Full PDB file with SEQRES, HELIX, SHEET, SSBOND, CRYST1, ORIGX, SCALE, CONECT and MASTER records, all heavy atoms in Angstrom:
SEQRES   1 A   35  LEU THR GLY LEU VAL PRO ALA GLU SER VAL LEU GLN LYS          
SEQRES   2 A   35  ALA VAL THR PRO GLY LEU VAL THR LEU VAL VAL LEU ILE          
SEQRES   3 A   35  LEU ALA SER ILE GLY LEU GLU LYS ALA                          
HELIX    1 AA1 ALA A    7  LYS A   13  1                                   7    
HELIX    2 AA2 PRO A   17  GLU A   33  1                                  17    
CRYST1    1.000    1.000    1.000  90.00  90.00  90.00 P 1           1          
ORIGX1      1.000000  0.000000  0.000000        0.00000                         
ORIGX2      0.000000  1.000000  0.000000        0.00000                         
ORIGX3      0.000000  0.000000  1.000000        0.00000                         
SCALE1      1.000000  0.000000  0.000000        0.00000                         
SCALE2      0.000000  1.000000  0.000000        0.00000                         
SCALE3      0.000000  0.000000  1.000000        0.00000                         
ATOM      1  N   LEU A   1      13.778 -21.197   9.381  1.00  0.00           N  
ATOM      2  CA  LEU A   1      13.055 -19.861   9.333  1.00  0.00           C  
ATOM      3  C   LEU A   1      12.237 -19.714   8.140  1.00  0.00           C  
ATOM      4  O   LEU A   1      11.169 -18.989   8.153  1.00  0.00           O  
ATOM      5  CB  LEU A   1      14.130 -18.756   9.525  1.00  0.00           C  
ATOM      6  CG  LEU A   1      14.809 -18.773  10.902  1.00  0.00           C  
ATOM      7  CD1 LEU A   1      15.814 -17.713  11.030  1.00  0.00           C  
ATOM      8  CD2 LEU A   1      13.802 -18.481  12.028  1.00  0.00           C  
ATOM      9  N   THR A   2      12.547 -20.379   7.033  1.00  0.00           N  
ATOM     10  CA  THR A   2      11.699 -20.285   5.797  1.00  0.00           C  
ATOM     11  C   THR A   2      10.644 -21.210   5.770  1.00  0.00           C  
ATOM     12  O   THR A   2       9.813 -21.169   4.764  1.00  0.00           O  
ATOM     13  CB  THR A   2      12.573 -20.300   4.556  1.00  0.00           C  
ATOM     14  OG1 THR A   2      13.310 -21.543   4.530  1.00  0.00           O  
ATOM     15  CG2 THR A   2      13.596 -19.193   4.420  1.00  0.00           C  
ATOM     16  N   GLY A   3      10.640 -21.978   6.780  1.00  0.00           N  
ATOM     17  CA  GLY A   3       9.445 -23.032   6.772  1.00  0.00           C  
ATOM     18  C   GLY A   3       9.736 -24.268   5.845  1.00  0.00           C  
ATOM     19  O   GLY A   3       8.764 -25.118   5.730  1.00  0.00           O  
ATOM     20  N   LEU A   4      10.958 -24.353   5.425  1.00  0.00           N  
ATOM     21  CA  LEU A   4      11.211 -25.600   4.590  1.00  0.00           C  
ATOM     22  C   LEU A   4      11.366 -26.820   5.399  1.00  0.00           C  
ATOM     23  O   LEU A   4      10.947 -27.955   4.920  1.00  0.00           O  
ATOM     24  CB  LEU A   4      12.567 -25.318   3.839  1.00  0.00           C  
ATOM     25  CG  LEU A   4      12.660 -24.309   2.744  1.00  0.00           C  
ATOM     26  CD1 LEU A   4      14.047 -24.034   2.268  1.00  0.00           C  
ATOM     27  CD2 LEU A   4      11.596 -24.609   1.666  1.00  0.00           C  
ATOM     28  N   VAL A   5      11.675 -26.703   6.743  1.00  0.00           N  
ATOM     29  CA  VAL A   5      11.809 -27.830   7.598  1.00  0.00           C  
ATOM     30  C   VAL A   5      10.910 -27.514   8.785  1.00  0.00           C  
ATOM     31  O   VAL A   5      11.057 -26.399   9.471  1.00  0.00           O  
ATOM     32  CB  VAL A   5      13.257 -28.052   8.066  1.00  0.00           C  
ATOM     33  CG1 VAL A   5      13.357 -29.147   8.962  1.00  0.00           C  
ATOM     34  CG2 VAL A   5      14.134 -28.331   6.772  1.00  0.00           C  
ATOM     35  N   PRO A   6       9.980 -28.353   9.184  1.00  0.00           N  
ATOM     36  CA  PRO A   6       9.059 -28.068  10.346  1.00  0.00           C  
ATOM     37  C   PRO A   6       9.863 -28.144  11.658  1.00  0.00           C  
ATOM     38  O   PRO A   6      10.907 -28.898  11.761  1.00  0.00           O  
ATOM     39  CB  PRO A   6       8.018 -29.152  10.169  1.00  0.00           C  
ATOM     40  CG  PRO A   6       8.555 -30.144   9.319  1.00  0.00           C  
ATOM     41  CD  PRO A   6       9.561 -29.574   8.497  1.00  0.00           C  
ATOM     42  N   ALA A   7       9.371 -27.449  12.629  1.00  0.00           N  
ATOM     43  CA  ALA A   7      10.090 -27.388  13.982  1.00  0.00           C  
ATOM     44  C   ALA A   7      10.145 -28.771  14.560  1.00  0.00           C  
ATOM     45  O   ALA A   7      11.203 -29.086  15.235  1.00  0.00           O  
ATOM     46  CB  ALA A   7       9.266 -26.475  14.923  1.00  0.00           C  
ATOM     47  N   GLU A   8       9.094 -29.576  14.410  1.00  0.00           N  
ATOM     48  CA  GLU A   8       9.174 -30.911  15.103  1.00  0.00           C  
ATOM     49  C   GLU A   8      10.298 -31.715  14.534  1.00  0.00           C  
ATOM     50  O   GLU A   8      10.894 -32.462  15.185  1.00  0.00           O  
ATOM     51  CB  GLU A   8       7.869 -31.597  14.753  1.00  0.00           C  
ATOM     52  CG  GLU A   8       6.576 -30.957  15.400  1.00  0.00           C  
ATOM     53  CD  GLU A   8       6.071 -29.780  14.655  1.00  0.00           C  
ATOM     54  OE1 GLU A   8       6.180 -29.795  13.400  1.00  0.00           O  
ATOM     55  OE2 GLU A   8       5.346 -29.000  15.276  1.00  0.00           O  
ATOM     56  N   SER A   9      10.557 -31.730  13.087  1.00  0.00           N  
ATOM     57  CA  SER A   9      11.474 -32.450  12.585  1.00  0.00           C  
ATOM     58  C   SER A   9      12.952 -31.970  13.035  1.00  0.00           C  
ATOM     59  O   SER A   9      13.780 -32.783  13.298  1.00  0.00           O  
ATOM     60  CB  SER A   9      11.477 -32.265  11.025  1.00  0.00           C  
ATOM     61  OG  SER A   9      12.474 -32.960  10.326  1.00  0.00           O  
ATOM     62  N   VAL A  10      13.110 -30.699  13.147  1.00  0.00           N  
ATOM     63  CA  VAL A  10      14.378 -30.129  13.604  1.00  0.00           C  
ATOM     64  C   VAL A  10      14.596 -30.600  15.043  1.00  0.00           C  
ATOM     65  O   VAL A  10      15.736 -31.019  15.420  1.00  0.00           O  
ATOM     66  CB  VAL A  10      14.418 -28.632  13.611  1.00  0.00           C  
ATOM     67  CG1 VAL A  10      15.601 -28.091  14.254  1.00  0.00           C  
ATOM     68  CG2 VAL A  10      14.300 -28.180  12.166  1.00  0.00           C  
ATOM     69  N   LEU A  11      13.629 -30.537  15.906  1.00  0.00           N  
ATOM     70  CA  LEU A  11      13.831 -30.846  17.382  1.00  0.00           C  
ATOM     71  C   LEU A  11      13.896 -32.401  17.494  1.00  0.00           C  
ATOM     72  O   LEU A  11      14.709 -32.767  18.321  1.00  0.00           O  
ATOM     73  CB  LEU A  11      12.606 -30.501  18.171  1.00  0.00           C  
ATOM     74  CG  LEU A  11      12.494 -28.923  18.347  1.00  0.00           C  
ATOM     75  CD1 LEU A  11      11.314 -28.599  19.165  1.00  0.00           C  
ATOM     76  CD2 LEU A  11      13.775 -28.292  19.006  1.00  0.00           C  
ATOM     77  N   GLN A  12      13.381 -33.212  16.626  1.00  0.00           N  
ATOM     78  CA  GLN A  12      13.411 -34.636  16.817  1.00  0.00           C  
ATOM     79  C   GLN A  12      14.806 -35.143  16.198  1.00  0.00           C  
ATOM     80  O   GLN A  12      15.507 -36.053  16.747  1.00  0.00           O  
ATOM     81  CB  GLN A  12      12.383 -35.364  16.015  1.00  0.00           C  
ATOM     82  CG  GLN A  12      11.081 -35.318  16.691  1.00  0.00           C  
ATOM     83  CD  GLN A  12       9.886 -35.900  15.841  1.00  0.00           C  
ATOM     84  OE1 GLN A  12      10.185 -36.213  14.596  1.00  0.00           O  
ATOM     85  NE2 GLN A  12       8.807 -36.095  16.394  1.00  0.00           N  
ATOM     86  N   LYS A  13      15.340 -34.629  15.169  1.00  0.00           N  
ATOM     87  CA  LYS A  13      16.484 -35.020  14.525  1.00  0.00           C  
ATOM     88  C   LYS A  13      17.834 -34.346  14.937  1.00  0.00           C  
ATOM     89  O   LYS A  13      18.848 -34.864  14.887  1.00  0.00           O  
ATOM     90  CB  LYS A  13      16.293 -34.989  12.982  1.00  0.00           C  
ATOM     91  CG  LYS A  13      15.232 -35.972  12.548  1.00  0.00           C  
ATOM     92  CD  LYS A  13      15.132 -35.925  11.090  1.00  0.00           C  
ATOM     93  CE  LYS A  13      14.243 -36.990  10.492  1.00  0.00           C  
ATOM     94  NZ  LYS A  13      12.911 -36.889  10.822  1.00  0.00           N  
ATOM     95  N   ALA A  14      17.765 -33.160  15.359  1.00  0.00           N  
ATOM     96  CA  ALA A  14      18.982 -32.353  15.555  1.00  0.00           C  
ATOM     97  C   ALA A  14      19.302 -32.228  17.036  1.00  0.00           C  
ATOM     98  O   ALA A  14      20.409 -32.056  17.384  1.00  0.00           O  
ATOM     99  CB  ALA A  14      18.862 -30.992  14.915  1.00  0.00           C  
ATOM    100  N   VAL A  15      18.224 -32.378  17.837  1.00  0.00           N  
ATOM    101  CA  VAL A  15      18.441 -32.067  19.234  1.00  0.00           C  
ATOM    102  C   VAL A  15      17.758 -33.219  20.176  1.00  0.00           C  
ATOM    103  O   VAL A  15      16.741 -33.615  19.919  1.00  0.00           O  
ATOM    104  CB  VAL A  15      17.821 -30.772  19.728  1.00  0.00           C  
ATOM    105  CG1 VAL A  15      18.077 -30.497  21.117  1.00  0.00           C  
ATOM    106  CG2 VAL A  15      18.469 -29.637  18.730  1.00  0.00           C  
ATOM    107  N   THR A  16      18.652 -33.687  21.075  1.00  0.00           N  
ATOM    108  CA  THR A  16      17.982 -34.680  21.972  1.00  0.00           C  
ATOM    109  C   THR A  16      17.451 -33.911  23.207  1.00  0.00           C  
ATOM    110  O   THR A  16      17.826 -32.819  23.522  1.00  0.00           O  
ATOM    111  CB  THR A  16      19.203 -35.702  22.528  1.00  0.00           C  
ATOM    112  OG1 THR A  16      20.063 -34.895  23.201  1.00  0.00           O  
ATOM    113  CG2 THR A  16      19.754 -36.391  21.356  1.00  0.00           C  
ATOM    114  N   PRO A  17      16.554 -34.569  23.851  1.00  0.00           N  
ATOM    115  CA  PRO A  17      15.845 -33.872  25.072  1.00  0.00           C  
ATOM    116  C   PRO A  17      17.010 -33.594  26.180  1.00  0.00           C  
ATOM    117  O   PRO A  17      16.807 -32.617  26.825  1.00  0.00           O  
ATOM    118  CB  PRO A  17      14.828 -34.852  25.642  1.00  0.00           C  
ATOM    119  CG  PRO A  17      14.552 -35.707  24.358  1.00  0.00           C  
ATOM    120  CD  PRO A  17      15.766 -35.736  23.580  1.00  0.00           C  
ATOM    121  N   GLY A  18      17.891 -34.464  26.265  1.00  0.00           N  
ATOM    122  CA  GLY A  18      18.957 -34.157  27.259  1.00  0.00           C  
ATOM    123  C   GLY A  18      19.818 -32.825  26.922  1.00  0.00           C  
ATOM    124  O   GLY A  18      20.126 -32.157  27.859  1.00  0.00           O  
ATOM    125  N   LEU A  19      20.005 -32.786  25.606  1.00  0.00           N  
ATOM    126  CA  LEU A  19      20.883 -31.570  25.257  1.00  0.00           C  
ATOM    127  C   LEU A  19      19.956 -30.323  25.489  1.00  0.00           C  
ATOM    128  O   LEU A  19      20.483 -29.247  25.908  1.00  0.00           O  
ATOM    129  CB  LEU A  19      21.300 -31.552  23.792  1.00  0.00           C  
ATOM    130  CG  LEU A  19      22.064 -30.477  23.176  1.00  0.00           C  
ATOM    131  CD1 LEU A  19      23.347 -30.283  23.907  1.00  0.00           C  
ATOM    132  CD2 LEU A  19      22.275 -30.694  21.754  1.00  0.00           C  
ATOM    133  N   VAL A  20      18.714 -30.354  25.173  1.00  0.00           N  
ATOM    134  CA  VAL A  20      17.818 -29.120  25.358  1.00  0.00           C  
ATOM    135  C   VAL A  20      17.814 -28.840  26.916  1.00  0.00           C  
ATOM    136  O   VAL A  20      17.958 -27.651  27.331  1.00  0.00           O  
ATOM    137  CB  VAL A  20      16.382 -29.429  24.846  1.00  0.00           C  
ATOM    138  CG1 VAL A  20      15.443 -28.429  25.380  1.00  0.00           C  
ATOM    139  CG2 VAL A  20      16.375 -29.539  23.443  1.00  0.00           C  
ATOM    140  N   THR A  21      17.723 -29.800  27.774  1.00  0.00           N  
ATOM    141  CA  THR A  21      17.713 -29.648  29.192  1.00  0.00           C  
ATOM    142  C   THR A  21      19.047 -28.974  29.658  1.00  0.00           C  
ATOM    143  O   THR A  21      19.142 -28.008  30.395  1.00  0.00           O  
ATOM    144  CB  THR A  21      17.483 -30.969  29.865  1.00  0.00           C  
ATOM    145  OG1 THR A  21      16.302 -31.549  29.474  1.00  0.00           O  
ATOM    146  CG2 THR A  21      17.409 -30.711  31.432  1.00  0.00           C  
ATOM    147  N   LEU A  22      20.178 -29.541  29.070  1.00  0.00           N  
ATOM    148  CA  LEU A  22      21.410 -28.957  29.491  1.00  0.00           C  
ATOM    149  C   LEU A  22      21.557 -27.498  29.071  1.00  0.00           C  
ATOM    150  O   LEU A  22      22.040 -26.659  29.749  1.00  0.00           O  
ATOM    151  CB  LEU A  22      22.520 -29.789  28.804  1.00  0.00           C  
ATOM    152  CG  LEU A  22      23.993 -29.381  29.261  1.00  0.00           C  
ATOM    153  CD1 LEU A  22      24.220 -29.466  30.682  1.00  0.00           C  
ATOM    154  CD2 LEU A  22      24.995 -30.171  28.334  1.00  0.00           C  
ATOM    155  N   VAL A  23      21.154 -27.137  27.906  1.00  0.00           N  
ATOM    156  CA  VAL A  23      21.192 -25.766  27.303  1.00  0.00           C  
ATOM    157  C   VAL A  23      20.241 -24.815  28.315  1.00  0.00           C  
ATOM    158  O   VAL A  23      20.740 -23.783  28.673  1.00  0.00           O  
ATOM    159  CB  VAL A  23      20.798 -25.598  25.966  1.00  0.00           C  
ATOM    160  CG1 VAL A  23      20.601 -24.224  25.466  1.00  0.00           C  
ATOM    161  CG2 VAL A  23      21.864 -26.313  25.085  1.00  0.00           C  
ATOM    162  N   VAL A  24      19.136 -25.312  28.510  1.00  0.00           N  
ATOM    163  CA  VAL A  24      18.272 -24.485  29.557  1.00  0.00           C  
ATOM    164  C   VAL A  24      18.912 -24.267  30.831  1.00  0.00           C  
ATOM    165  O   VAL A  24      18.882 -23.157  31.404  1.00  0.00           O  
ATOM    166  CB  VAL A  24      16.851 -25.190  29.611  1.00  0.00           C  
ATOM    167  CG1 VAL A  24      15.985 -24.566  30.703  1.00  0.00           C  
ATOM    168  CG2 VAL A  24      16.129 -25.131  28.309  1.00  0.00           C  
ATOM    169  N   LEU A  25      19.500 -25.330  31.404  1.00  0.00           N  
ATOM    170  CA  LEU A  25      20.127 -25.174  32.675  1.00  0.00           C  
ATOM    171  C   LEU A  25      21.349 -24.204  32.613  1.00  0.00           C  
ATOM    172  O   LEU A  25      21.549 -23.471  33.564  1.00  0.00           O  
ATOM    173  CB  LEU A  25      20.610 -26.610  33.192  1.00  0.00           C  
ATOM    174  CG  LEU A  25      19.455 -27.511  33.660  1.00  0.00           C  
ATOM    175  CD1 LEU A  25      20.047 -28.973  33.874  1.00  0.00           C  
ATOM    176  CD2 LEU A  25      18.741 -26.957  34.841  1.00  0.00           C  
ATOM    177  N   ILE A  26      22.091 -24.347  31.593  1.00  0.00           N  
ATOM    178  CA  ILE A  26      23.197 -23.362  31.509  1.00  0.00           C  
ATOM    179  C   ILE A  26      22.725 -22.001  31.385  1.00  0.00           C  
ATOM    180  O   ILE A  26      23.285 -21.059  31.887  1.00  0.00           O  
ATOM    181  CB  ILE A  26      24.122 -23.782  30.260  1.00  0.00           C  
ATOM    182  CG1 ILE A  26      24.927 -25.104  30.628  1.00  0.00           C  
ATOM    183  CG2 ILE A  26      25.127 -22.784  29.884  1.00  0.00           C  
ATOM    184  CD1 ILE A  26      25.679 -25.720  29.469  1.00  0.00           C  
ATOM    185  N   LEU A  27      21.722 -21.784  30.590  1.00  0.00           N  
ATOM    186  CA  LEU A  27      21.093 -20.415  30.428  1.00  0.00           C  
ATOM    187  C   LEU A  27      20.512 -19.968  31.789  1.00  0.00           C  
ATOM    188  O   LEU A  27      20.680 -18.818  32.187  1.00  0.00           O  
ATOM    189  CB  LEU A  27      19.920 -20.339  29.404  1.00  0.00           C  
ATOM    190  CG  LEU A  27      20.311 -20.587  27.954  1.00  0.00           C  
ATOM    191  CD1 LEU A  27      19.188 -20.605  26.952  1.00  0.00           C  
ATOM    192  CD2 LEU A  27      21.273 -19.381  27.514  1.00  0.00           C  
ATOM    193  N   ALA A  28      19.934 -20.861  32.588  1.00  0.00           N  
ATOM    194  CA  ALA A  28      19.490 -20.444  33.869  1.00  0.00           C  
ATOM    195  C   ALA A  28      20.602 -20.080  34.737  1.00  0.00           C  
ATOM    196  O   ALA A  28      20.615 -19.327  35.669  1.00  0.00           O  
ATOM    197  CB  ALA A  28      18.716 -21.652  34.475  1.00  0.00           C  
ATOM    198  N   SER A  29      21.687 -20.917  34.735  1.00  0.00           N  
ATOM    199  CA  SER A  29      22.851 -20.515  35.499  1.00  0.00           C  
ATOM    200  C   SER A  29      23.494 -19.188  35.176  1.00  0.00           C  
ATOM    201  O   SER A  29      23.922 -18.520  35.938  1.00  0.00           O  
ATOM    202  CB  SER A  29      23.902 -21.687  35.503  1.00  0.00           C  
ATOM    203  OG  SER A  29      24.593 -21.591  34.256  1.00  0.00           O  
ATOM    204  N   ILE A  30      23.438 -18.892  33.934  1.00  0.00           N  
ATOM    205  CA  ILE A  30      23.952 -17.529  33.548  1.00  0.00           C  
ATOM    206  C   ILE A  30      23.054 -16.404  34.065  1.00  0.00           C  
ATOM    207  O   ILE A  30      23.600 -15.410  34.504  1.00  0.00           O  
ATOM    208  CB  ILE A  30      23.918 -17.419  31.956  1.00  0.00           C  
ATOM    209  CG1 ILE A  30      25.092 -18.271  31.421  1.00  0.00           C  
ATOM    210  CG2 ILE A  30      24.137 -16.035  31.517  1.00  0.00           C  
ATOM    211  CD1 ILE A  30      24.987 -18.484  29.896  1.00  0.00           C  
ATOM    212  N   GLY A  31      21.693 -16.698  34.117  1.00  0.00           N  
ATOM    213  CA  GLY A  31      20.853 -15.730  34.725  1.00  0.00           C  
ATOM    214  C   GLY A  31      21.068 -15.616  36.232  1.00  0.00           C  
ATOM    215  O   GLY A  31      20.917 -14.406  36.879  1.00  0.00           O  
ATOM    216  N   LEU A  32      21.270 -16.734  36.843  1.00  0.00           N  
ATOM    217  CA  LEU A  32      21.643 -16.752  38.277  1.00  0.00           C  
ATOM    218  C   LEU A  32      22.922 -15.989  38.639  1.00  0.00           C  
ATOM    219  O   LEU A  32      22.967 -15.488  39.563  1.00  0.00           O  
ATOM    220  CB  LEU A  32      21.596 -18.153  38.810  1.00  0.00           C  
ATOM    221  CG  LEU A  32      20.323 -18.953  39.041  1.00  0.00           C  
ATOM    222  CD1 LEU A  32      20.569 -20.356  39.438  1.00  0.00           C  
ATOM    223  CD2 LEU A  32      19.502 -18.152  39.978  1.00  0.00           C  
ATOM    224  N   GLU A  33      23.840 -16.136  37.723  1.00  0.00           N  
ATOM    225  CA  GLU A  33      25.106 -15.447  37.938  1.00  0.00           C  
ATOM    226  C   GLU A  33      24.986 -14.006  38.035  1.00  0.00           C  
ATOM    227  O   GLU A  33      25.686 -13.285  38.742  1.00  0.00           O  
ATOM    228  CB  GLU A  33      25.976 -15.820  36.618  1.00  0.00           C  
ATOM    229  CG  GLU A  33      27.385 -15.506  36.803  1.00  0.00           C  
ATOM    230  CD  GLU A  33      28.257 -15.953  35.617  1.00  0.00           C  
ATOM    231  OE1 GLU A  33      28.046 -17.147  35.177  1.00  0.00           O  
ATOM    232  OE2 GLU A  33      28.999 -15.164  35.041  1.00  0.00           O  
ATOM    233  N   LYS A  34      23.981 -13.438  37.393  1.00  0.00           N  
ATOM    234  CA  LYS A  34      23.741 -11.969  37.548  1.00  0.00           C  
ATOM    235  C   LYS A  34      22.933 -11.519  38.687  1.00  0.00           C  
ATOM    236  O   LYS A  34      22.701 -10.375  38.967  1.00  0.00           O  
ATOM    237  CB  LYS A  34      23.119 -11.565  36.211  1.00  0.00           C  
ATOM    238  CG  LYS A  34      23.839 -11.924  34.934  1.00  0.00           C  
ATOM    239  CD  LYS A  34      23.823 -10.917  33.982  1.00  0.00           C  
ATOM    240  CE  LYS A  34      24.448 -11.359  32.669  1.00  0.00           C  
ATOM    241  NZ  LYS A  34      26.019 -11.577  32.755  1.00  0.00           N  
ATOM    242  N   ALA A  35      22.442 -12.498  39.402  1.00  0.00           N  
ATOM    243  CA  ALA A  35      21.647 -12.290  40.597  1.00  0.00           C  
ATOM    244  C   ALA A  35      22.444 -11.622  41.704  1.00  0.00           C  
ATOM    245  O   ALA A  35      23.479 -12.196  42.009  1.00  0.00           O  
ATOM    246  CB  ALA A  35      20.653 -13.472  40.986  1.00  0.00           C  
TER     247      ALA A  35                                                      
MASTER        0    0    0    2    0    0    0    6  246    1    0    3          
END                                                                             
């Protein structure tokens, strides 16, 4: 948040694309749960 580490670096090193997809799917399922 202070800009010491760029977003690209955080996404490349801390998060795999599979994990991002899983988190998005879980968030979508939470939204569907309320439908």
